[in-house]
Amino acid sequence: MLLKLCVSPPDWTYRALSAELAISVSEVHQCLQRASASDLYDIQRRSPKLRNLEEFILHGLKYAFPATRGSLTRGLPTSYAAPPLAKHFHEPLADNPPVWPMPQGPVAGYEITPLYPSAPKAAKLDARLYELLALIDALRTGKARERKLAQDMICQRLTGKISEQKTG
């Protein structure tokens, strides 16, 4: 949810978020309430608290949302196999890259549990959200080099948003 807000215009609506994330309006509301209680979301400003979110992503997310590796399946590439990391790692697709399970997915690979069941569907609708989710999966599942590059890319994206928040 908060990642989607990071890539959404400031005039978002609960209904729009619901449609774009493939969840109910009540789930959007409940998620934002939990994020506010966790000091990750500012209800008054209607935006994520980016410094807190960055800290959580880099240091707590993999513990709160552990990734589980499943069996071989078709799906949407994630982690090092998805943009923006794919261009940095030349792992052959025959090596069964990590994927979010989707019956009509473009790649066969080993299943990685997404952060939320509807995350792959939401990622297909929003390329910037897809990149953030894939980077987070690299933090959750990657080797040291993948994690470091993903961490740097996430920090760049959030630092840019923090600068926008200050001037906007």
N, C-alpha and C. Protein backbone atom coordinates (compact mmCIF):
# COMPACT_ATOMS: atom_id res chain seq x y z
N MET A 1 0.82 -1.19 0.00
CA MET A 1 0.00 0.00 0.00
C MET A 1 0.87 1.25 0.00
N LEU A 2 1.81 1.31 0.93
CA LEU A 2 2.64 2.51 1.04
C LEU A 2 3.55 2.67 -0.17
N LEU A 3 3.99 1.56 -0.74
CA LEU A 3 4.79 1.65 -1.97
C LEU A 3 3.95 2.22 -3.11
N LYS A 4 2.71 1.82 -3.18
CA LYS A 4 1.81 2.36 -4.21
C LYS A 4 1.65 3.86 -4.02
N LEU A 5 1.51 4.31 -2.78
CA LEU A 5 1.40 5.75 -2.53
C LEU A 5 2.66 6.48 -2.95
N CYS A 6 3.80 5.82 -2.84
CA CYS A 6 5.07 6.44 -3.25
C CYS A 6 5.13 6.72 -4.75
N VAL A 7 4.37 5.96 -5.53
CA VAL A 7 4.40 6.13 -6.99
C VAL A 7 3.09 6.70 -7.53
N SER A 8 2.19 7.11 -6.64
CA SER A 8 0.89 7.64 -7.05
C SER A 8 0.87 9.16 -6.95
N PRO A 9 0.01 9.80 -7.74
CA PRO A 9 -0.14 11.26 -7.59
C PRO A 9 -0.77 11.57 -6.23
N PRO A 10 -0.56 12.79 -5.72
CA PRO A 10 -1.04 13.13 -4.38
C PRO A 10 -2.57 13.18 -4.26
N ASP A 11 -3.27 13.21 -5.36
CA ASP A 11 -4.74 13.30 -5.31
C ASP A 11 -5.42 11.93 -5.41
N TRP A 12 -4.78 10.89 -4.91
CA TRP A 12 -5.32 9.54 -4.96
C TRP A 12 -6.63 9.46 -4.17
N THR A 13 -7.42 8.45 -4.49
CA THR A 13 -8.65 8.18 -3.75
C THR A 13 -8.62 6.73 -3.25
N TYR A 14 -9.41 6.46 -2.23
CA TYR A 14 -9.50 5.09 -1.72
C TYR A 14 -9.99 4.15 -2.81
N ARG A 15 -10.97 4.60 -3.58
CA ARG A 15 -11.52 3.75 -4.65
C ARG A 15 -10.47 3.46 -5.72
N ALA A 16 -9.68 4.48 -6.09
CA ALA A 16 -8.63 4.27 -7.11
C ALA A 16 -7.57 3.30 -6.59
N LEU A 17 -7.14 3.48 -5.35
CA LEU A 17 -6.16 2.56 -4.77
C LEU A 17 -6.71 1.14 -4.73
N SER A 18 -7.96 1.03 -4.37
CA SER A 18 -8.61 -0.28 -4.32
C SER A 18 -8.53 -0.97 -5.68
N ALA A 19 -8.88 -0.26 -6.73
CA ALA A 19 -8.86 -0.83 -8.07
C ALA A 19 -7.43 -1.16 -8.52
N GLU A 20 -6.51 -0.26 -8.25
CA GLU A 20 -5.13 -0.44 -8.72
C GLU A 20 -4.38 -1.51 -7.95
N LEU A 21 -4.79 -1.79 -6.72
CA LEU A 21 -4.13 -2.80 -5.91
C LEU A 21 -4.91 -4.11 -5.83
N ALA A 22 -6.07 -4.14 -6.47
CA ALA A 22 -6.91 -5.34 -6.49
C ALA A 22 -7.28 -5.79 -5.07
N ILE A 23 -7.64 -4.81 -4.24
CA ILE A 23 -8.13 -5.09 -2.89
C ILE A 23 -9.37 -4.25 -2.66
N SER A 24 -10.09 -4.52 -1.59
CA SER A 24 -11.32 -3.77 -1.31
C SER A 24 -11.00 -2.40 -0.73
N VAL A 25 -11.97 -1.50 -0.82
CA VAL A 25 -11.82 -0.17 -0.23
C VAL A 25 -11.60 -0.28 1.27
N SER A 26 -12.29 -1.20 1.91
CA SER A 26 -12.11 -1.35 3.36
C SER A 26 -10.69 -1.83 3.68
N GLU A 27 -10.11 -2.68 2.83
CA GLU A 27 -8.73 -3.12 3.05
C GLU A 27 -7.76 -1.94 2.92
N VAL A 28 -8.02 -1.04 1.97
CA VAL A 28 -7.20 0.16 1.81
C VAL A 28 -7.25 0.96 3.11
N HIS A 29 -8.45 1.19 3.60
CA HIS A 29 -8.63 1.98 4.82
C HIS A 29 -7.93 1.32 6.00
N GLN A 30 -8.13 0.01 6.18
CA GLN A 30 -7.51 -0.70 7.31
C GLN A 30 -5.99 -0.68 7.21
N CYS A 31 -5.47 -0.83 6.02
CA CYS A 31 -4.02 -0.82 5.82
C CYS A 31 -3.44 0.54 6.21
N LEU A 32 -4.09 1.61 5.79
CA LEU A 32 -3.59 2.94 6.12
C LEU A 32 -3.71 3.22 7.62
N GLN A 33 -4.72 2.68 8.25
CA GLN A 33 -4.84 2.83 9.71
C GLN A 33 -3.69 2.10 10.41
N ARG A 34 -3.38 0.87 9.96
CA ARG A 34 -2.26 0.12 10.56
C ARG A 34 -0.94 0.84 10.30
N ALA A 35 -0.77 1.36 9.10
CA ALA A 35 0.47 2.08 8.77
C ALA A 35 0.62 3.33 9.62
N SER A 36 -0.49 4.00 9.88
CA SER A 36 -0.46 5.19 10.74
C SER A 36 -0.09 4.80 12.17
N ALA A 37 -0.69 3.73 12.67
CA ALA A 37 -0.39 3.27 14.02
C ALA A 37 1.08 2.84 14.15
N SER A 38 1.68 2.40 13.04
CA SER A 38 3.08 1.98 13.03
C SER A 38 4.03 3.13 12.73
N ASP A 39 3.49 4.34 12.60
CA ASP A 39 4.27 5.55 12.30
C ASP A 39 4.94 5.49 10.93
N LEU A 40 4.25 4.83 9.98
CA LEU A 40 4.74 4.75 8.61
C LEU A 40 3.92 5.62 7.66
N TYR A 41 2.82 6.17 8.16
CA TYR A 41 1.89 6.92 7.32
C TYR A 41 1.36 8.11 8.10
N ASP A 42 1.30 9.26 7.44
CA ASP A 42 0.78 10.49 8.03
C ASP A 42 -0.64 10.71 7.51
N ILE A 43 -1.62 10.52 8.38
CA ILE A 43 -3.02 10.64 7.98
C ILE A 43 -3.35 12.06 7.52
N GLN A 44 -2.81 13.06 8.20
CA GLN A 44 -3.12 14.46 7.85
C GLN A 44 -2.59 14.80 6.46
N ARG A 45 -1.36 14.40 6.17
CA ARG A 45 -0.74 14.72 4.88
C ARG A 45 -1.12 13.73 3.78
N ARG A 46 -1.75 12.61 4.19
CA ARG A 46 -2.13 11.56 3.25
C ARG A 46 -0.93 11.04 2.46
N SER A 47 0.17 10.81 3.20
CA SER A 47 1.37 10.31 2.52
C SER A 47 2.21 9.47 3.48
N PRO A 48 3.02 8.59 2.91
CA PRO A 48 3.91 7.79 3.75
C PRO A 48 4.95 8.67 4.43
N LYS A 49 5.35 8.26 5.62
CA LYS A 49 6.48 8.90 6.30
C LYS A 49 7.72 8.21 5.73
N LEU A 50 8.30 8.84 4.73
CA LEU A 50 9.29 8.17 3.88
C LEU A 50 10.54 7.72 4.62
N ARG A 51 11.03 8.53 5.54
CA ARG A 51 12.23 8.10 6.29
C ARG A 51 11.93 6.85 7.12
N ASN A 52 10.77 6.83 7.76
CA ASN A 52 10.39 5.66 8.56
C ASN A 52 10.15 4.45 7.66
N LEU A 53 9.53 4.68 6.52
CA LEU A 53 9.27 3.60 5.57
C LEU A 53 10.59 3.02 5.07
N GLU A 54 11.53 3.89 4.74
CA GLU A 54 12.84 3.42 4.27
C GLU A 54 13.51 2.55 5.35
N GLU A 55 13.48 3.01 6.59
CA GLU A 55 14.08 2.24 7.68
C GLU A 55 13.41 0.87 7.81
N PHE A 56 12.09 0.85 7.73
CA PHE A 56 11.37 -0.42 7.84
C PHE A 56 11.71 -1.34 6.68
N ILE A 57 11.73 -0.81 5.46
CA ILE A 57 12.03 -1.64 4.29
C ILE A 57 13.42 -2.24 4.41
N LEU A 58 14.39 -1.42 4.77
CA LEU A 58 15.78 -1.87 4.78
C LEU A 58 16.10 -2.79 5.96
N HIS A 59 15.42 -2.58 7.09
CA HIS A 59 15.83 -3.32 8.29
C HIS A 59 14.77 -4.23 8.91
N GLY A 60 13.53 -4.08 8.55
CA GLY A 60 12.50 -4.88 9.21
C GLY A 60 11.60 -5.70 8.31
N LEU A 61 11.48 -5.31 7.07
CA LEU A 61 10.49 -5.93 6.19
C LEU A 61 10.73 -7.43 6.01
N LYS A 62 11.98 -7.83 5.83
CA LYS A 62 12.24 -9.25 5.58
C LYS A 62 11.89 -10.12 6.79
N TYR A 63 11.82 -9.50 7.98
CA TYR A 63 11.44 -10.24 9.18
C TYR A 63 9.92 -10.26 9.35
N ALA A 64 9.28 -9.14 9.00
CA ALA A 64 7.82 -9.06 9.11
C ALA A 64 7.12 -9.82 7.98
N PHE A 65 7.77 -9.87 6.82
CA PHE A 65 7.20 -10.53 5.64
C PHE A 65 8.24 -11.48 5.05
N PRO A 66 8.53 -12.57 5.73
CA PRO A 66 9.55 -13.49 5.21
C PRO A 66 9.10 -14.10 3.89
N ALA A 67 10.04 -14.26 3.00
CA ALA A 67 9.75 -14.87 1.71
C ALA A 67 9.91 -16.37 1.83
N THR A 68 9.02 -17.08 1.22
CA THR A 68 9.16 -18.53 1.16
C THR A 68 9.31 -18.93 -0.29
N ARG A 69 10.21 -19.84 -0.50
CA ARG A 69 10.48 -20.33 -1.85
C ARG A 69 9.65 -21.59 -2.05
N GLY A 70 8.91 -21.59 -3.14
CA GLY A 70 8.05 -22.73 -3.43
C GLY A 70 8.58 -23.57 -4.57
N SER A 71 7.68 -24.27 -5.19
CA SER A 71 8.04 -25.17 -6.28
C SER A 71 8.14 -24.42 -7.60
N LEU A 72 8.52 -25.13 -8.64
CA LEU A 72 8.59 -24.54 -9.97
C LEU A 72 7.18 -24.25 -10.47
N THR A 73 7.03 -23.08 -11.09
CA THR A 73 5.73 -22.66 -11.59
C THR A 73 5.93 -21.59 -12.66
N ARG A 74 4.86 -21.24 -13.34
CA ARG A 74 4.90 -20.11 -14.27
C ARG A 74 4.55 -18.88 -13.46
N GLY A 75 5.15 -17.75 -13.87
CA GLY A 75 4.84 -16.55 -13.13
C GLY A 75 5.50 -15.31 -13.68
N LEU A 76 5.37 -14.24 -12.91
CA LEU A 76 5.94 -12.94 -13.23
C LEU A 76 7.29 -12.83 -12.52
N PRO A 77 8.37 -12.56 -13.26
CA PRO A 77 9.69 -12.48 -12.62
C PRO A 77 9.73 -11.44 -11.50
N THR A 78 10.51 -11.73 -10.48
CA THR A 78 10.72 -10.81 -9.37
C THR A 78 12.18 -10.87 -8.94
N SER A 79 12.54 -10.09 -7.96
CA SER A 79 13.90 -10.03 -7.43
C SER A 79 14.89 -9.70 -8.56
N TYR A 80 16.00 -10.43 -8.65
CA TYR A 80 17.02 -10.12 -9.65
C TYR A 80 16.56 -10.36 -11.08
N ALA A 81 15.48 -11.11 -11.28
CA ALA A 81 15.01 -11.45 -12.62
C ALA A 81 14.08 -10.39 -13.20
N ALA A 82 13.71 -9.38 -12.42
CA ALA A 82 12.76 -8.34 -12.85
C ALA A 82 13.48 -7.00 -12.96
N PRO A 83 12.84 -6.07 -13.68
CA PRO A 83 13.42 -4.73 -13.71
C PRO A 83 13.33 -4.11 -12.31
N PRO A 84 14.25 -3.31 -11.92
CA PRO A 84 15.41 -2.80 -12.65
C PRO A 84 16.67 -3.64 -12.46
N LEU A 85 16.62 -4.72 -11.69
CA LEU A 85 17.83 -5.50 -11.41
C LEU A 85 18.23 -6.43 -12.55
N ALA A 86 17.29 -6.84 -13.38
CA ALA A 86 17.58 -7.85 -14.41
C ALA A 86 18.73 -7.44 -15.31
N LYS A 87 18.86 -6.16 -15.60
CA LYS A 87 19.94 -5.73 -16.50
C LYS A 87 21.31 -5.81 -15.83
N HIS A 88 21.35 -5.96 -14.51
CA HIS A 88 22.62 -6.05 -13.78
C HIS A 88 23.05 -7.50 -13.53
N PHE A 89 22.12 -8.42 -13.67
CA PHE A 89 22.41 -9.82 -13.40
C PHE A 89 22.06 -10.63 -14.63
N HIS A 90 23.02 -11.35 -15.13
CA HIS A 90 22.82 -12.09 -16.37
C HIS A 90 22.61 -13.57 -16.09
N GLU A 91 21.75 -13.83 -15.13
CA GLU A 91 21.42 -15.21 -14.80
C GLU A 91 20.54 -15.75 -15.93
N PRO A 92 20.90 -16.87 -16.51
CA PRO A 92 20.05 -17.41 -17.57
C PRO A 92 18.69 -17.82 -17.01
N LEU A 93 17.66 -17.57 -17.80
CA LEU A 93 16.31 -17.92 -17.35
C LEU A 93 16.16 -19.42 -17.15
N ALA A 94 17.02 -20.21 -17.76
CA ALA A 94 16.97 -21.66 -17.58
C ALA A 94 17.29 -22.04 -16.14
N ASP A 95 17.90 -21.11 -15.39
CA ASP A 95 18.25 -21.39 -13.99
C ASP A 95 17.07 -21.19 -13.05
N ASN A 96 15.87 -21.14 -13.57
CA ASN A 96 14.66 -21.01 -12.77
C ASN A 96 14.69 -19.78 -11.87
N PRO A 97 14.47 -18.61 -12.44
CA PRO A 97 14.49 -17.38 -11.65
C PRO A 97 13.31 -17.32 -10.68
N PRO A 98 13.37 -16.41 -9.71
CA PRO A 98 12.24 -16.25 -8.80
C PRO A 98 11.06 -15.60 -9.52
N VAL A 99 9.87 -16.12 -9.26
CA VAL A 99 8.65 -15.58 -9.89
C VAL A 99 7.53 -15.54 -8.87
N TRP A 100 6.60 -14.59 -9.11
CA TRP A 100 5.34 -14.62 -8.39
C TRP A 100 4.41 -15.51 -9.21
N PRO A 101 3.75 -16.46 -8.59
CA PRO A 101 2.93 -17.39 -9.38
C PRO A 101 1.78 -16.69 -10.09
N MET A 102 1.68 -16.94 -11.39
CA MET A 102 0.59 -16.46 -12.23
C MET A 102 0.43 -17.49 -13.34
N PRO A 103 -0.74 -18.07 -13.51
CA PRO A 103 -0.91 -19.12 -14.52
C PRO A 103 -0.46 -18.71 -15.93
N GLN A 104 -0.70 -17.46 -16.31
CA GLN A 104 -0.30 -17.00 -17.63
C GLN A 104 1.01 -16.21 -17.58
N GLY A 105 1.81 -16.45 -16.57
CA GLY A 105 3.07 -15.73 -16.42
C GLY A 105 4.02 -16.01 -17.57
N PRO A 106 4.89 -15.06 -17.86
CA PRO A 106 5.77 -15.20 -19.02
C PRO A 106 6.99 -16.10 -18.80
N VAL A 107 7.28 -16.48 -17.54
CA VAL A 107 8.52 -17.19 -17.24
C VAL A 107 8.23 -18.36 -16.30
N ALA A 108 8.97 -19.43 -16.48
CA ALA A 108 8.93 -20.54 -15.52
C ALA A 108 10.07 -20.33 -14.54
N GLY A 109 9.78 -20.51 -13.26
CA GLY A 109 10.80 -20.34 -12.25
C GLY A 109 10.30 -20.86 -10.92
N TYR A 110 11.07 -20.59 -9.88
CA TYR A 110 10.62 -21.04 -8.57
C TYR A 110 9.78 -19.94 -7.90
N GLU A 111 8.73 -20.38 -7.27
CA GLU A 111 7.75 -19.47 -6.65
C GLU A 111 8.34 -18.76 -5.44
N ILE A 112 8.10 -17.45 -5.40
CA ILE A 112 8.40 -16.63 -4.23
C ILE A 112 7.07 -16.06 -3.76
N THR A 113 6.77 -16.22 -2.49
CA THR A 113 5.54 -15.68 -1.95
C THR A 113 5.59 -14.16 -2.02
N PRO A 114 4.62 -13.53 -2.70
CA PRO A 114 4.61 -12.06 -2.77
C PRO A 114 4.26 -11.46 -1.40
N LEU A 115 4.54 -10.17 -1.26
CA LEU A 115 4.21 -9.47 -0.01
C LEU A 115 2.73 -9.58 0.32
N TYR A 116 1.91 -9.56 -0.70
CA TYR A 116 0.46 -9.64 -0.53
C TYR A 116 -0.08 -10.41 -1.73
N PRO A 117 -1.13 -11.21 -1.57
CA PRO A 117 -1.61 -12.03 -2.67
C PRO A 117 -1.91 -11.27 -3.97
N SER A 118 -2.39 -10.04 -3.86
CA SER A 118 -2.73 -9.30 -5.08
C SER A 118 -1.57 -8.46 -5.62
N ALA A 119 -0.40 -8.54 -4.99
CA ALA A 119 0.75 -7.73 -5.43
C ALA A 119 1.14 -7.99 -6.89
N PRO A 120 1.18 -9.23 -7.36
CA PRO A 120 1.55 -9.43 -8.77
C PRO A 120 0.56 -8.77 -9.74
N LYS A 121 -0.71 -8.85 -9.42
CA LYS A 121 -1.71 -8.21 -10.29
C LYS A 121 -1.53 -6.69 -10.29
N ALA A 122 -1.29 -6.11 -9.13
CA ALA A 122 -1.06 -4.67 -9.03
C ALA A 122 0.22 -4.29 -9.77
N ALA A 123 1.24 -5.12 -9.67
CA ALA A 123 2.52 -4.84 -10.34
C ALA A 123 2.35 -4.83 -11.86
N LYS A 124 1.51 -5.69 -12.37
CA LYS A 124 1.27 -5.70 -13.83
C LYS A 124 0.62 -4.41 -14.30
N LEU A 125 -0.10 -3.74 -13.42
CA LEU A 125 -0.79 -2.49 -13.78
C LEU A 125 0.07 -1.25 -13.61
N ASP A 126 1.20 -1.35 -12.90
CA ASP A 126 2.01 -0.18 -12.58
C ASP A 126 3.48 -0.57 -12.58
N ALA A 127 4.21 -0.15 -13.61
CA ALA A 127 5.61 -0.53 -13.77
C ALA A 127 6.48 -0.03 -12.62
N ARG A 128 6.20 1.17 -12.12
CA ARG A 128 7.03 1.70 -11.02
C ARG A 128 6.79 0.91 -9.73
N LEU A 129 5.54 0.53 -9.48
CA LEU A 129 5.25 -0.31 -8.32
C LEU A 129 5.92 -1.67 -8.48
N TYR A 130 5.86 -2.22 -9.69
CA TYR A 130 6.50 -3.51 -9.98
C TYR A 130 7.99 -3.45 -9.62
N GLU A 131 8.66 -2.39 -10.02
CA GLU A 131 10.09 -2.25 -9.72
C GLU A 131 10.34 -2.23 -8.21
N LEU A 132 9.56 -1.46 -7.48
CA LEU A 132 9.74 -1.40 -6.03
C LEU A 132 9.50 -2.76 -5.37
N LEU A 133 8.44 -3.44 -5.79
CA LEU A 133 8.15 -4.75 -5.22
C LEU A 133 9.25 -5.76 -5.54
N ALA A 134 9.77 -5.71 -6.77
CA ALA A 134 10.85 -6.61 -7.15
C ALA A 134 12.13 -6.31 -6.36
N LEU A 135 12.42 -5.02 -6.15
CA LEU A 135 13.58 -4.64 -5.35
C LEU A 135 13.44 -5.15 -3.92
N ILE A 136 12.25 -5.04 -3.38
CA ILE A 136 12.01 -5.54 -2.02
C ILE A 136 12.18 -7.05 -1.97
N ASP A 137 11.75 -7.75 -3.02
CA ASP A 137 11.97 -9.20 -3.04
C ASP A 137 13.46 -9.53 -3.10
N ALA A 138 14.25 -8.69 -3.74
CA ALA A 138 15.70 -8.91 -3.75
C ALA A 138 16.25 -8.77 -2.33
N LEU A 139 15.70 -7.84 -1.55
CA LEU A 139 16.11 -7.72 -0.14
C LEU A 139 15.68 -8.95 0.65
N ARG A 140 14.50 -9.46 0.34
CA ARG A 140 13.95 -10.60 1.08
C ARG A 140 14.62 -11.92 0.72
N THR A 141 15.10 -12.06 -0.53
CA THR A 141 15.54 -13.37 -1.00
C THR A 141 16.92 -13.39 -1.62
N GLY A 142 17.48 -12.24 -1.92
CA GLY A 142 18.69 -12.19 -2.74
C GLY A 142 19.97 -12.52 -2.01
N LYS A 143 20.99 -12.72 -2.83
CA LYS A 143 22.36 -12.88 -2.32
C LYS A 143 22.88 -11.49 -1.96
N ALA A 144 24.03 -11.44 -1.33
CA ALA A 144 24.57 -10.17 -0.82
C ALA A 144 24.65 -9.09 -1.90
N ARG A 145 25.14 -9.42 -3.08
CA ARG A 145 25.29 -8.42 -4.14
C ARG A 145 23.92 -7.90 -4.60
N GLU A 146 22.97 -8.79 -4.74
CA GLU A 146 21.61 -8.41 -5.14
C GLU A 146 20.98 -7.52 -4.08
N ARG A 147 21.14 -7.90 -2.82
CA ARG A 147 20.57 -7.10 -1.71
C ARG A 147 21.17 -5.71 -1.67
N LYS A 148 22.48 -5.60 -1.85
CA LYS A 148 23.14 -4.30 -1.80
C LYS A 148 22.65 -3.39 -2.93
N LEU A 149 22.59 -3.91 -4.13
CA LEU A 149 22.12 -3.11 -5.26
C LEU A 149 20.65 -2.72 -5.08
N ALA A 150 19.84 -3.64 -4.61
CA ALA A 150 18.43 -3.34 -4.35
C ALA A 150 18.29 -2.26 -3.28
N GLN A 151 19.08 -2.37 -2.21
CA GLN A 151 19.04 -1.37 -1.15
C GLN A 151 19.39 0.00 -1.70
N ASP A 152 20.45 0.08 -2.50
CA ASP A 152 20.85 1.36 -3.09
C ASP A 152 19.75 1.94 -3.96
N MET A 153 19.11 1.10 -4.77
CA MET A 153 18.06 1.57 -5.67
C MET A 153 16.82 2.04 -4.90
N ILE A 154 16.46 1.32 -3.86
CA ILE A 154 15.32 1.73 -3.04
C ILE A 154 15.62 3.07 -2.38
N CYS A 155 16.81 3.21 -1.82
CA CYS A 155 17.19 4.47 -1.16
C CYS A 155 17.16 5.63 -2.15
N GLN A 156 17.63 5.42 -3.37
CA GLN A 156 17.58 6.48 -4.38
C GLN A 156 16.14 6.90 -4.65
N ARG A 157 15.28 5.94 -4.81
CA ARG A 157 13.88 6.25 -5.12
C ARG A 157 13.21 6.99 -3.95
N LEU A 158 13.42 6.51 -2.74
CA LEU A 158 12.79 7.15 -1.59
C LEU A 158 13.41 8.49 -1.26
N THR A 159 14.71 8.63 -1.45
CA THR A 159 15.37 9.92 -1.21
C THR A 159 14.82 10.97 -2.17
N GLY A 160 14.59 10.59 -3.41
CA GLY A 160 13.97 11.50 -4.37
C GLY A 160 12.57 11.92 -3.93
N LYS A 161 11.82 10.97 -3.39
CA LYS A 161 10.46 11.28 -2.91
C LYS A 161 10.52 12.18 -1.67
N ILE A 162 11.53 11.97 -0.80
CA ILE A 162 11.67 12.82 0.39
C ILE A 162 11.95 14.25 -0.04
N SER A 163 12.80 14.42 -1.04
CA SER A 163 13.10 15.77 -1.54
C SER A 163 11.85 16.42 -2.12
N GLU A 164 11.05 15.66 -2.88
CA GLU A 164 9.81 16.18 -3.43
C GLU A 164 8.86 16.60 -2.31
N GLN A 165 8.79 15.79 -1.25
CA GLN A 165 7.89 16.05 -0.13
C GLN A 165 8.27 17.38 0.55
N LYS A 166 9.56 17.63 0.68
CA LYS A 166 10.02 18.87 1.33
C LYS A 166 9.69 20.09 0.50
N THR A 167 9.83 19.99 -0.84
CA THR A 167 9.60 21.15 -1.69
C THR A 167 8.14 21.27 -2.10
N GLY A 168 7.39 20.19 -2.00
CA GLY A 168 6.01 20.18 -2.45
C GLY A 168 5.07 20.53 -1.41
